[in-house]
């Protein structure tokens, strides 16, 4: 009894076995239960957030344009839907419609206190729960411009909690050289030249 008292999990398993339940099934369920109990709120929120980012880029990669706006906050989603539904925008391959393929390669969450200097404060202050991810996404595009170039693109994906779900609020371009200098870069060679390669398409 001393051993059982020192281990609640063993006590539960012992009682279930006496009741004649299948050990393999019970043990698997218990492991899942204890995993979910052991997972912190922060860990669960992080997983949920990166799932949103991953699915967003999958929809872009597979040209599921009718799904893309669903990943955004309501205010942005409405504007994006109107833009994506516009026949002229579709024909001219503007905005996200310029992207043929998109493959998420890397991401990292940045401290919000650091990242907020690159974000519009007045817009962001309406949200209470916010996360900023720095991402590396491999694009193939119809026409290169300052917003999308062929190869790996580096930018922020800003998520906020809306109706208890993580939603995209912004996907801003940022000065990548500054991110690298501040110690938040991925350390890749093409990251170091991204600003220069992108800005050659800048139109004054």
Protein backbone atom coordinates (compact mmCIF):
# COMPACT_ATOMS: atom_id res chain seq x y z
CA UNK A 1 0.00 0.00 0.00
CA UNK A 2 2.88 2.33 0.61
CA UNK A 3 3.89 2.17 -3.09
CA UNK A 4 0.32 2.80 -4.29
CA UNK A 5 -0.15 5.75 -1.96
CA UNK A 6 2.97 7.38 -3.30
CA UNK A 7 1.72 7.09 -6.91
CA UNK A 8 -1.88 8.18 -7.70
CA UNK A 9 -1.53 7.01 -11.29
CA UNK A 10 -0.67 3.47 -10.15
CA UNK A 11 -3.66 3.48 -7.80
CA UNK A 12 -6.02 4.45 -10.65
CA UNK A 13 -4.61 1.76 -12.92
CA UNK A 14 -4.86 -0.84 -10.15
CA UNK A 15 -8.53 -0.07 -9.52
CA UNK A 16 -9.37 -0.17 -13.21
CA UNK A 17 -7.66 -3.52 -13.65
CA UNK A 18 -9.66 -4.98 -10.78
CA UNK A 19 -12.84 -3.87 -12.52
CA UNK A 20 -11.83 -5.97 -15.51
CA UNK A 21 -11.25 -3.10 -17.96
CA UNK A 22 -8.89 -3.51 -20.86
CA UNK A 23 -5.49 -2.29 -19.70
CA UNK A 24 -4.14 -1.17 -23.07
CA UNK A 25 -7.15 1.05 -23.82
CA UNK A 26 -7.31 2.49 -20.32
CA UNK A 27 -3.59 3.15 -20.20
CA UNK A 28 -3.65 5.00 -23.54
CA UNK A 29 -6.58 7.14 -22.41
CA UNK A 30 -4.88 7.93 -19.13
CA UNK A 31 -1.69 8.97 -20.87
CA UNK A 32 -3.64 11.35 -23.12
CA UNK A 33 -5.48 12.74 -20.10
CA UNK A 34 -2.33 13.31 -18.11
CA UNK A 35 -0.66 14.92 -21.13
CA UNK A 36 -3.52 17.38 -21.51
CA UNK A 37 -3.46 18.12 -17.78
CA UNK A 38 0.29 18.57 -17.83
CA UNK A 39 0.22 20.92 -20.81
CA UNK A 40 0.26 24.55 -19.73
CA UNK A 41 -2.12 27.16 -21.10
CA UNK A 42 0.81 28.88 -22.77
CA UNK A 43 1.81 25.67 -24.55
CA UNK A 44 -1.75 25.05 -25.72
CA UNK A 45 -2.07 28.62 -26.99
CA UNK A 46 1.24 28.33 -28.83
CA UNK A 47 0.15 25.11 -30.57
CA UNK A 48 -3.17 26.65 -31.56
CA UNK A 49 -1.45 29.75 -32.92
CA UNK A 50 1.05 27.89 -35.10
CA UNK A 51 -1.74 25.68 -36.46
CA UNK A 52 -3.49 28.81 -37.71
CA UNK A 53 -0.30 30.01 -39.40
CA UNK A 54 0.38 26.60 -40.94
CA UNK A 55 -3.14 26.20 -42.30
CA UNK A 56 -3.16 29.76 -43.64
CA UNK A 57 -0.12 29.09 -45.82
CA UNK A 58 -1.47 25.69 -46.89
CA UNK A 59 -4.59 27.44 -48.21
CA UNK A 60 -2.45 29.95 -50.11
CA UNK A 61 -0.20 27.19 -51.47
CA UNK A 62 -3.20 25.25 -52.80
CA UNK A 63 -5.01 28.38 -54.07
CA UNK A 64 -8.00 27.83 -51.77
CA UNK A 65 -8.77 31.53 -51.95
CA UNK A 66 -12.27 31.15 -50.50
CA UNK A 67 -10.67 29.88 -47.25
CA UNK A 68 -7.96 32.48 -46.79
CA UNK A 69 -10.10 35.24 -45.27
CA UNK A 70 -11.34 32.81 -42.59
CA UNK A 71 -7.95 33.01 -40.86
CA UNK A 72 -8.20 36.79 -40.36
CA UNK A 73 -9.93 38.92 -37.76
CA UNK A 74 -13.40 39.98 -38.85
CA UNK A 75 -12.44 43.52 -39.83
CA UNK A 76 -9.61 42.37 -42.07
CA UNK A 77 -11.50 39.30 -43.33
CA UNK A 78 -14.30 41.38 -44.83
CA UNK A 79 -11.90 43.62 -46.73
CA UNK A 80 -9.80 40.68 -47.87
CA UNK A 81 -12.83 38.76 -49.13
CA UNK A 82 -13.96 41.73 -51.22
CA UNK A 83 -10.46 42.07 -52.63
CA UNK A 84 -10.12 38.35 -53.45
CA UNK A 85 -13.58 38.20 -55.06
CA UNK A 86 -12.82 41.10 -57.39
CA UNK A 87 -12.48 39.79 -60.96
CA UNK A 88 -9.96 42.45 -61.97
CA UNK A 89 -7.72 41.61 -59.01
CA UNK A 90 -7.94 37.94 -59.96
CA UNK A 91 -7.00 38.63 -63.57
CA UNK A 92 -4.13 40.95 -62.65
CA UNK A 93 -2.89 38.60 -59.89
CA UNK A 94 -2.79 41.33 -57.28
CA UNK A 95 -1.98 40.95 -53.59
CA UNK A 96 -2.06 37.38 -52.32
CA UNK A 97 -3.41 36.29 -55.70
CA UNK A 98 0.10 36.90 -57.05
CA UNK A 99 1.36 33.85 -55.14
CA UNK A 100 1.56 30.54 -57.01
CA UNK A 101 2.96 28.50 -54.13
CA UNK A 102 3.77 29.17 -50.50
CA UNK A 103 5.72 26.84 -48.22
CA UNK A 104 6.25 27.73 -44.57
CA UNK A 105 9.85 26.86 -43.72
CA UNK A 106 10.52 28.36 -40.29
CA UNK A 107 8.83 30.42 -37.63
CA UNK A 108 9.65 31.78 -34.21
CA UNK A 109 7.60 33.72 -31.70
CA UNK A 110 9.10 37.08 -30.79
CA UNK A 111 8.55 38.98 -27.54
CA UNK A 112 5.63 41.29 -28.15
CA UNK A 113 7.38 44.13 -26.32
CA UNK A 114 10.11 43.94 -28.95
CA UNK A 115 7.95 43.41 -32.03
CA UNK A 116 5.37 46.11 -31.29
CA UNK A 117 7.69 48.89 -32.47
CA UNK A 118 7.09 47.58 -36.00
CA UNK A 119 3.30 47.51 -35.63
CA UNK A 120 0.59 50.21 -35.82
CA UNK A 121 -0.10 50.92 -32.14
CA UNK A 122 -3.53 52.46 -32.58
CA UNK A 123 -4.79 49.41 -34.46
CA UNK A 124 -3.18 46.85 -32.14
CA UNK A 125 -4.31 48.43 -28.87
CA UNK A 126 -7.89 47.23 -29.48
CA UNK A 127 -6.71 43.64 -28.89
CA UNK A 128 -5.74 42.27 -25.49
CA UNK A 129 -4.13 38.92 -26.36
CA UNK A 130 -1.47 39.20 -29.07
CA UNK A 131 1.32 37.07 -30.50
CA UNK A 132 3.94 37.95 -33.09
CA UNK A 133 5.70 35.32 -35.18
CA UNK A 134 8.64 35.93 -37.45
CA UNK A 135 8.28 33.60 -40.43
CA UNK A 136 10.28 32.38 -43.40
CA UNK A 137 8.04 31.40 -46.33
CA UNK A 138 9.23 30.10 -49.69
CA UNK A 139 7.19 31.76 -52.45
CA UNK A 140 6.75 31.20 -56.14
CA UNK A 141 5.02 34.21 -57.64
CA UNK A 142 3.63 35.34 -60.98
CA UNK A 143 5.33 38.73 -60.85
CA UNK A 144 7.97 39.78 -58.33
CA UNK A 145 7.32 43.01 -56.45
CA UNK A 146 8.33 44.59 -53.14
CA UNK A 147 5.70 42.54 -51.31
CA UNK A 148 6.38 39.08 -52.75
CA UNK A 149 9.53 37.77 -54.40
CA UNK A 150 10.55 34.34 -55.61
CA UNK A 151 12.41 32.41 -52.94
CA UNK A 152 12.24 32.77 -49.18
CA UNK A 153 10.38 35.81 -47.88
CA UNK A 154 10.71 37.04 -44.28
CA UNK A 155 7.98 38.93 -42.44
CA UNK A 156 5.73 38.97 -39.37
CA UNK A 157 2.45 37.16 -38.84
CA UNK A 158 0.58 38.93 -36.04
CA UNK A 159 -2.12 36.92 -34.28
CA UNK A 160 -4.77 38.08 -31.85
CA UNK A 161 -7.42 36.26 -29.88
CA UNK A 162 -10.88 36.97 -31.27
CA UNK A 163 -13.94 35.02 -30.07
CA UNK A 164 -11.53 32.63 -28.28
CA UNK A 165 -9.74 31.77 -31.52
CA UNK A 166 -6.40 32.94 -32.83
CA UNK A 167 -6.84 35.06 -35.92
CA UNK A 168 -4.43 36.94 -38.17
CA UNK A 169 -4.49 40.68 -37.62
CA UNK A 170 -1.53 41.66 -39.79
CA UNK A 171 1.23 40.20 -41.97
CA UNK A 172 3.57 43.20 -42.15
CA UNK A 173 6.90 43.41 -43.89
CA UNK A 174 9.63 44.43 -41.47
CA UNK A 175 13.25 45.59 -41.78
CA UNK A 176 14.83 42.15 -41.75
CA UNK A 177 18.35 43.49 -41.28
CA UNK A 178 17.21 45.07 -38.02
CA UNK A 179 15.67 41.77 -36.87
CA UNK A 180 18.98 40.05 -37.59
CA UNK A 181 21.00 42.77 -35.84
CA UNK A 182 18.80 42.47 -32.74
CA UNK A 183 19.49 38.74 -32.53
CA UNK A 184 16.14 37.38 -33.72
CA UNK A 185 17.12 36.21 -37.20
CA UNK A 186 17.14 32.64 -38.48
CA UNK A 187 20.80 32.80 -39.50
CA UNK A 188 20.30 31.94 -43.18
CA UNK A 189 22.32 33.53 -45.97
CA UNK A 190 19.33 34.63 -48.06
CA UNK A 191 17.84 36.32 -45.00
CA UNK A 192 20.82 38.71 -44.95
CA UNK A 193 20.11 39.86 -48.51
CA UNK A 194 16.31 39.83 -48.36
CA UNK A 195 15.83 43.57 -47.77
CA UNK A 196 18.06 44.43 -50.68
CA UNK A 197 16.46 41.90 -53.04
CA UNK A 198 12.93 42.97 -52.12
CA UNK A 199 13.48 46.72 -52.17
CA UNK A 200 14.88 46.71 -55.72
CA UNK A 201 11.23 46.34 -56.76
CA UNK A 202 10.14 49.34 -54.68
CA UNK A 203 8.28 51.94 -56.72
CA UNK A 204 8.48 55.54 -55.44
